[in-house]
Structures are given as C-alpha cells and as structure tokens.
Amino acid sequence: MKKKTTVLERVYLTLFMILLYTPMVVLMVFSFNSSNSTSVMAGFSLKWYAELFKDGATIAAFRNTVVLAVISAVISTVFGLVSAVGINYTRSRYYKRTLLTTNNIPMMNPDIVTGISMMLLFVFAGTLMHRQGVLGFGTMLIAHVTFQLPYVILNILPRFRAMDGYLTEAAQDLGCTPVQAFFKVTLPQIRPGVIAGAIMAFTLSLDDFVISYFVSGPEFQTLPIRIYSMTKKRVTPDMYALSTIIFLVMLILLIALNVIQNRAENGSLRNREKVAK
C-alpha cells in the first residue's frame, strides 16, 4: 500500500524545489540580457553567447575539459570493469568486504583532502625525478581517474548481482572459452551498468573543481578553473551564458543516466518474472 503525501510534505517539497532551482532560472534568464547589467533585465539578446564563443581562453578551457573528461571516463570505465569483475568473482567474503571498503574511501574523503594529498604526491614524485613543473594534463588525468573509479565500480557491481550466474557456466559448457563467455554473455548483461558508470565518470570530470585546482598546471586549465578565475573580476553575463550551457549539458547527461538505470532495472524485473513463470 502506497503512503499518501500530506499537504505539509507537498509544501515543503515545493519550497525546497523553488529554493534549489530559482538561482539557476535567474542565471539562465540573465544570460539572455541585452545589456551588461547583472541585476536589470534590459531585453532579450544572444549577445553574450556570441561574446562567449569569441573568448579564446574560454574555448580552450572547454576543449581541455571535454578531452580530459572523455579520456578519463574511458580509462576509469575499463579499469572499473576489470575491478568489478575481480571483486564479483572473489570467493573470500572478508577480502571482498575489504576491497569494497577500500573502494568507498575515496568517495567519503573530502575533495580538498584528496586534492592536496595528490598534489603533494605529484610534487614529491617530480622532485625524485628531478623535474620541474610536473603538474599538468598528466597529473589531472591520473587524479580524475582516481576519484571516478569507485563510482564506476559501484555502478557495475549491482549488475553482476542481478544477472543469472549460471548463464556464463552454460556458455562455457556449450564450447565458449571464459573470455568468449564474458564478451558474449556476461558483458551484454552488465552493459547498462557499464554505460551508466561511463556517463557518471564523464559527468564527475566535467563538474570537478577542487581536485583539479590543486593538481593543474599553468599550461592546462579546465572550464571550472576558468570560471573561478573569471569570478575574481566583475561578473559579466557571458559567465551566465557559460554556466547555462554547463547546466544544460549536465542535466541532459543526468537524465540519460536515469533512463539507462531505469531500463536496466525494468529489464532485470522482466527477466526475474520470466524465470519465476
């Protein structure tokens, strides 16, 4: 029996949603302002979007952000898939719990602690190798893969629990090697989790500022760091336009992630119903 929501709960939820999304609505409205005022709406215009795409530094930062997000998402997805397979087929419960606990630590650790510790590690490694200016694209890539990996693993592991473990054994009994059984049977079953993990890794990379700020170098700047540097000066509507674009991209990715997860859950439910019948 479903519990009905009370009037007070609806009012609270409505107020919460208003407080949460009103700032974004105001930001999006003023991104179309025809004047450079950030408080008075003078008229509708796409002027600041045009100004934004004329800003070479911002376009370069956007390109760096997308390249970093794609590469780190691919690497973390591959490593996360391999790690999830290893954790799933680990027979020792104590060892499996230890691995899962270790996997959860980076997600619980504050970003500023992770960023500072990784910066000190990279600087120390650079000192040992007698290299100056070690911080840059390479260090940011390692850092992004590090904090994305736990989320990818946690997206894939539930798919192993939802699938029928006897399917892989049946494929091997029919002549498939373990590798063939994985790619022909196991991987299609866990594909929604892999895709969801990749999308989440990509989203986390686009959104990250704190860790990227500590491990970035002067020659490689991402979009969140670029936005932070813009806030030190007078805020202009082109920053509103940039924030609007980022918000819409993140919204689309999150909707796609939820759709994939819902389809995966519905597919698992239908499979269980067929097995039950």
Protein backbone atom coordinates (compact mmCIF):
# COMPACT_ATOMS: atom_id res chain seq x y z
CA MET A 1 0.00 0.00 0.00
CA LYS A 2 1.45 3.35 -1.04
CA LYS A 3 1.68 6.09 1.54
CA LYS A 4 -0.09 9.30 0.54
CA THR A 5 1.85 12.52 0.86
CA THR A 6 0.41 15.12 3.22
CA VAL A 7 -0.18 18.78 2.40
CA LEU A 8 2.73 19.78 4.62
CA GLU A 9 5.07 17.42 2.79
CA ARG A 10 3.98 18.82 -0.58
CA VAL A 11 4.50 22.40 0.61
CA TYR A 12 7.94 21.52 1.96
CA LEU A 13 8.90 19.78 -1.29
CA THR A 14 7.64 22.73 -3.36
CA LEU A 15 9.62 25.25 -1.28
CA PHE A 16 12.70 23.07 -1.48
CA MET A 17 12.49 22.85 -5.28
CA ILE A 18 11.93 26.62 -5.55
CA LEU A 19 14.96 27.41 -3.40
CA LEU A 20 17.04 24.88 -5.33
CA TYR A 21 16.21 25.92 -8.87
CA THR A 22 15.36 29.63 -8.61
CA PRO A 23 19.04 30.70 -8.75
CA MET A 24 19.54 28.62 -11.91
CA VAL A 25 16.42 30.11 -13.52
CA VAL A 26 17.62 33.64 -12.72
CA LEU A 27 21.05 32.83 -14.13
CA MET A 28 19.59 31.43 -17.35
CA VAL A 29 17.27 34.45 -17.79
CA PHE A 30 20.09 36.98 -17.35
CA SER A 31 22.29 35.06 -19.78
CA PHE A 32 19.94 36.45 -22.47
CA ASN A 33 20.15 40.03 -21.20
CA SER A 34 20.88 42.60 -23.91
CA SER A 35 22.87 44.84 -21.53
CA ASN A 36 25.90 44.10 -19.37
CA SER A 37 23.88 44.54 -16.19
CA THR A 38 23.65 41.57 -13.86
CA SER A 39 20.63 42.92 -11.99
CA VAL A 40 18.40 44.71 -14.52
CA MET A 41 16.87 42.89 -17.50
CA ALA A 42 17.04 45.30 -20.45
CA GLY A 43 15.84 42.94 -23.17
CA PHE A 44 16.31 39.58 -24.86
CA SER A 45 19.53 39.00 -26.80
CA LEU A 46 22.06 36.29 -27.69
CA LYS A 47 24.88 38.82 -27.43
CA TRP A 48 26.65 37.19 -24.50
CA TYR A 49 26.59 33.75 -26.09
CA ALA A 50 28.31 35.27 -29.12
CA GLU A 51 30.83 37.01 -26.83
CA LEU A 52 31.44 33.77 -25.02
CA PHE A 53 32.39 31.90 -28.20
CA LYS A 54 34.75 34.73 -29.15
CA ASP A 55 36.70 34.24 -25.92
CA GLY A 56 39.70 32.13 -26.95
CA ALA A 57 40.74 31.29 -23.39
CA THR A 58 37.27 30.00 -22.51
CA ILE A 59 37.02 27.91 -25.68
CA ALA A 60 40.46 26.41 -24.96
CA ALA A 61 39.38 25.61 -21.40
CA PHE A 62 36.19 24.00 -22.72
CA ARG A 63 38.20 21.89 -25.16
CA ASN A 64 40.59 20.83 -22.39
CA THR A 65 37.65 19.90 -20.16
CA VAL A 66 35.98 17.73 -22.80
CA VAL A 67 39.23 15.98 -23.77
CA LEU A 68 40.08 15.29 -20.14
CA ALA A 69 36.56 14.07 -19.37
CA VAL A 70 36.42 11.69 -22.36
CA ILE A 71 39.88 10.17 -21.81
CA SER A 72 39.47 9.82 -18.04
CA ALA A 73 35.97 8.34 -18.44
CA VAL A 74 37.22 5.72 -20.92
CA ILE A 75 40.18 4.75 -18.72
CA SER A 76 38.16 4.65 -15.50
CA THR A 77 35.42 2.60 -17.21
CA VAL A 78 37.90 -0.02 -18.43
CA PHE A 79 39.69 -0.19 -15.07
CA GLY A 80 36.35 -0.17 -13.23
CA LEU A 81 35.02 -3.04 -15.34
CA VAL A 82 38.11 -5.15 -14.69
CA SER A 83 37.98 -4.31 -10.97
CA ALA A 84 34.26 -5.11 -10.72
CA VAL A 85 34.82 -8.47 -12.39
CA GLY A 86 37.61 -9.27 -9.92
CA ILE A 87 35.57 -8.19 -6.90
CA ASN A 88 32.48 -10.09 -8.06
CA TYR A 89 34.34 -13.39 -8.54
CA THR A 90 36.31 -13.11 -5.29
CA ARG A 91 35.33 -16.05 -3.12
CA SER A 92 36.63 -14.76 0.22
CA ARG A 93 33.93 -12.64 1.89
CA TYR A 94 36.48 -10.92 4.13
CA TYR A 95 38.66 -9.99 1.16
CA LYS A 96 35.61 -8.78 -0.80
CA ARG A 97 34.45 -6.59 2.09
CA THR A 98 37.95 -5.17 2.42
CA LEU A 99 38.02 -4.30 -1.28
CA LEU A 100 34.58 -2.66 -1.13
CA THR A 101 35.55 -0.65 1.95
CA THR A 102 38.75 0.48 0.26
CA ASN A 103 36.73 1.42 -2.81
CA ASN A 104 34.37 3.57 -0.72
CA ILE A 105 37.14 5.60 0.97
CA PRO A 106 37.79 7.99 -1.99
CA MET A 107 34.07 8.82 -2.16
CA MET A 108 33.86 9.60 1.56
CA ASN A 109 37.13 11.53 1.64
CA PRO A 110 36.71 15.34 1.30
CA ASP A 111 37.73 16.65 -2.11
CA ILE A 112 40.11 19.20 -0.64
CA VAL A 113 41.98 16.47 1.25
CA THR A 114 42.20 14.35 -1.89
CA GLY A 115 43.37 17.32 -3.97
CA ILE A 116 46.08 18.41 -1.54
CA SER A 117 47.36 14.87 -0.97
CA MET A 118 47.57 14.16 -4.69
CA MET A 119 49.31 17.49 -5.32
CA LEU A 120 51.93 16.64 -2.67
CA LEU A 121 52.36 13.18 -4.19
CA PHE A 122 52.91 14.54 -7.69
CA VAL A 123 55.31 17.23 -6.49
CA PHE A 124 57.25 14.64 -4.47
CA ALA A 125 57.42 12.33 -7.49
CA GLY A 126 58.61 15.23 -9.64
CA THR A 127 61.34 16.03 -7.11
CA LEU A 128 62.56 12.43 -7.16
CA MET A 129 62.72 12.54 -10.97
CA HIS A 130 64.37 15.99 -10.90
CA ARG A 131 61.56 17.52 -12.96
CA GLN A 132 60.12 21.00 -12.63
CA GLY A 133 56.52 21.90 -13.50
CA VAL A 134 55.28 18.34 -13.14
CA LEU A 135 51.66 19.44 -12.71
CA GLY A 136 49.62 19.48 -15.91
CA PHE A 137 47.43 17.28 -18.09
CA GLY A 138 49.03 14.04 -16.92
CA THR A 139 48.52 14.73 -13.23
CA MET A 140 44.94 15.86 -13.82
CA LEU A 141 44.22 12.70 -15.80
CA ILE A 142 45.56 10.48 -13.01
CA ALA A 143 43.59 12.43 -10.40
CA HIS A 144 40.33 12.25 -12.36
CA VAL A 145 40.66 8.53 -12.99
CA THR A 146 41.35 8.03 -9.28
CA PHE A 147 38.17 9.67 -8.00
CA GLN A 148 35.98 8.38 -10.87
CA LEU A 149 36.96 4.73 -10.47
CA PRO A 150 34.94 3.97 -7.29
CA TYR A 151 31.74 5.32 -8.86
CA VAL A 152 32.22 3.18 -11.97
CA ILE A 153 32.76 0.07 -9.85
CA LEU A 154 29.62 0.74 -7.79
CA ASN A 155 27.57 1.15 -11.00
CA ILE A 156 28.75 -2.16 -12.44
CA LEU A 157 28.71 -4.44 -9.36
CA PRO A 158 24.89 -4.45 -8.92
CA ARG A 159 24.52 -5.69 -12.49
CA PHE A 160 26.54 -8.79 -11.61
CA ARG A 161 24.21 -9.47 -8.67
CA ALA A 162 21.14 -9.02 -10.89
CA MET A 163 22.25 -11.39 -13.66
CA ASP A 164 21.89 -15.17 -13.63
CA GLY A 165 25.31 -16.58 -12.77
CA TYR A 166 24.53 -19.87 -14.50
CA LEU A 167 24.42 -18.22 -17.93
CA THR A 168 28.20 -17.93 -18.05
CA GLU A 169 28.62 -21.54 -16.99
CA ALA A 170 26.11 -22.66 -19.63
CA ALA A 171 28.03 -20.75 -22.31
CA GLN A 172 31.26 -22.48 -21.31
CA ASP A 173 29.52 -25.87 -21.30
CA LEU A 174 28.43 -25.13 -24.89
CA GLY A 175 32.03 -24.60 -26.00
CA CYS A 176 32.89 -20.98 -25.21
CA THR A 177 36.17 -20.14 -23.58
CA PRO A 178 35.99 -17.99 -20.39
CA VAL A 179 36.94 -14.91 -22.44
CA GLN A 180 34.32 -15.65 -25.11
CA ALA A 181 31.69 -16.29 -22.44
CA PHE A 182 32.46 -12.94 -20.85
CA PHE A 183 32.14 -10.93 -24.07
CA LYS A 184 29.15 -12.86 -25.46
CA VAL A 185 27.13 -13.46 -22.29
CA THR A 186 28.35 -11.51 -19.26
CA LEU A 187 29.15 -8.16 -20.90
CA PRO A 188 25.72 -7.79 -22.60
CA GLN A 189 24.08 -8.45 -19.23
CA ILE A 190 26.10 -5.80 -17.38
CA ARG A 191 26.25 -3.29 -20.29
CA PRO A 192 23.70 -0.88 -18.72
CA GLY A 193 25.87 -0.62 -15.61
CA VAL A 194 28.99 -0.04 -17.71
CA ILE A 195 27.29 2.72 -19.72
CA ALA A 196 25.88 4.32 -16.55
CA GLY A 197 29.33 4.22 -14.95
CA ALA A 198 30.92 5.82 -18.01
CA ILE A 199 28.33 8.62 -18.08
CA MET A 200 28.78 9.27 -14.36
CA ALA A 201 32.57 9.34 -14.75
CA PHE A 202 32.25 11.83 -17.60
CA THR A 203 29.85 13.97 -15.55
CA LEU A 204 32.12 13.95 -12.48
CA SER A 205 35.07 15.03 -14.59
CA LEU A 206 33.14 17.94 -16.13
CA ASP A 207 31.94 19.07 -12.73
CA ASP A 208 35.14 18.76 -10.70
CA PHE A 209 36.88 21.90 -9.48
CA VAL A 210 38.54 21.30 -6.10
CA ILE A 211 40.78 18.37 -7.04
CA SER A 212 41.52 19.82 -10.49
CA TYR A 213 42.52 23.14 -8.92
CA PHE A 214 45.27 21.53 -6.83
CA VAL A 215 46.70 19.21 -9.48
CA SER A 216 46.51 21.53 -12.51
CA GLY A 217 49.43 23.38 -14.03
CA PRO A 218 49.66 26.81 -15.68
CA GLU A 219 49.60 25.32 -19.19
CA PHE A 220 46.41 23.26 -18.80
CA GLN A 221 43.21 24.87 -17.49
CA THR A 222 39.75 23.32 -17.32
CA LEU A 223 36.43 25.12 -17.55
CA PRO A 224 35.61 25.13 -13.79
CA ILE A 225 39.03 26.66 -13.07
CA ARG A 226 38.43 29.21 -15.83
CA ILE A 227 35.07 30.16 -14.29
CA TYR A 228 36.72 30.57 -10.90
CA SER A 229 39.30 32.91 -12.37
CA MET A 230 36.51 34.93 -14.03
CA THR A 231 34.72 35.42 -10.68
CA LYS A 232 37.72 37.32 -9.31
CA LYS A 233 36.80 40.17 -11.64
CA ARG A 234 33.42 41.80 -12.25
CA VAL A 235 30.90 39.14 -13.16
CA THR A 236 29.55 39.67 -16.70
CA PRO A 237 26.62 37.94 -18.43
CA ASP A 238 28.97 35.87 -20.59
CA MET A 239 29.71 33.90 -17.43
CA TYR A 240 25.96 33.40 -17.05
CA ALA A 241 25.85 32.06 -20.59
CA LEU A 242 28.71 29.68 -19.86
CA SER A 243 27.05 28.45 -16.66
CA THR A 244 23.77 27.94 -18.53
CA ILE A 245 25.44 25.76 -21.14
CA ILE A 246 27.17 23.67 -18.45
CA PHE A 247 23.91 23.28 -16.52
CA LEU A 248 22.01 22.07 -19.60
CA VAL A 249 24.76 19.60 -20.55
CA MET A 250 24.84 18.17 -17.02
CA LEU A 251 21.04 17.97 -16.97
CA ILE A 252 20.96 16.02 -20.23
CA LEU A 253 23.65 13.61 -19.00
CA LEU A 254 21.84 13.00 -15.70
CA ILE A 255 18.54 12.36 -17.50
CA ALA A 256 20.29 9.88 -19.80
CA LEU A 257 21.86 8.20 -16.76
CA ASN A 258 18.49 7.82 -15.03
CA VAL A 259 16.86 6.48 -18.20
CA ILE A 260 19.58 3.86 -18.62
CA GLN A 261 19.33 2.78 -14.98
CA ASN A 262 15.52 2.56 -15.12
CA ARG A 263 15.64 0.46 -18.28
CA ALA A 264 18.21 -1.82 -16.68
CA GLU A 265 16.03 -2.26 -13.58
CA ASN A 266 12.93 -2.95 -15.68
CA GLY A 267 14.86 -5.46 -17.77
CA SER A 268 16.05 -7.27 -14.64
CA LEU A 269 12.49 -7.33 -13.29
CA ARG A 270 11.15 -8.81 -16.52
CA ASN A 271 13.86 -11.47 -16.53
CA ARG A 272 13.01 -12.46 -12.97
CA GLU A 273 9.32 -12.69 -13.85
CA LYS A 274 10.13 -14.97 -16.80
CA VAL A 275 12.28 -17.18 -14.59
CA ALA A 276 9.52 -17.29 -11.96
CA LYS A 277 6.95 -18.37 -14.57
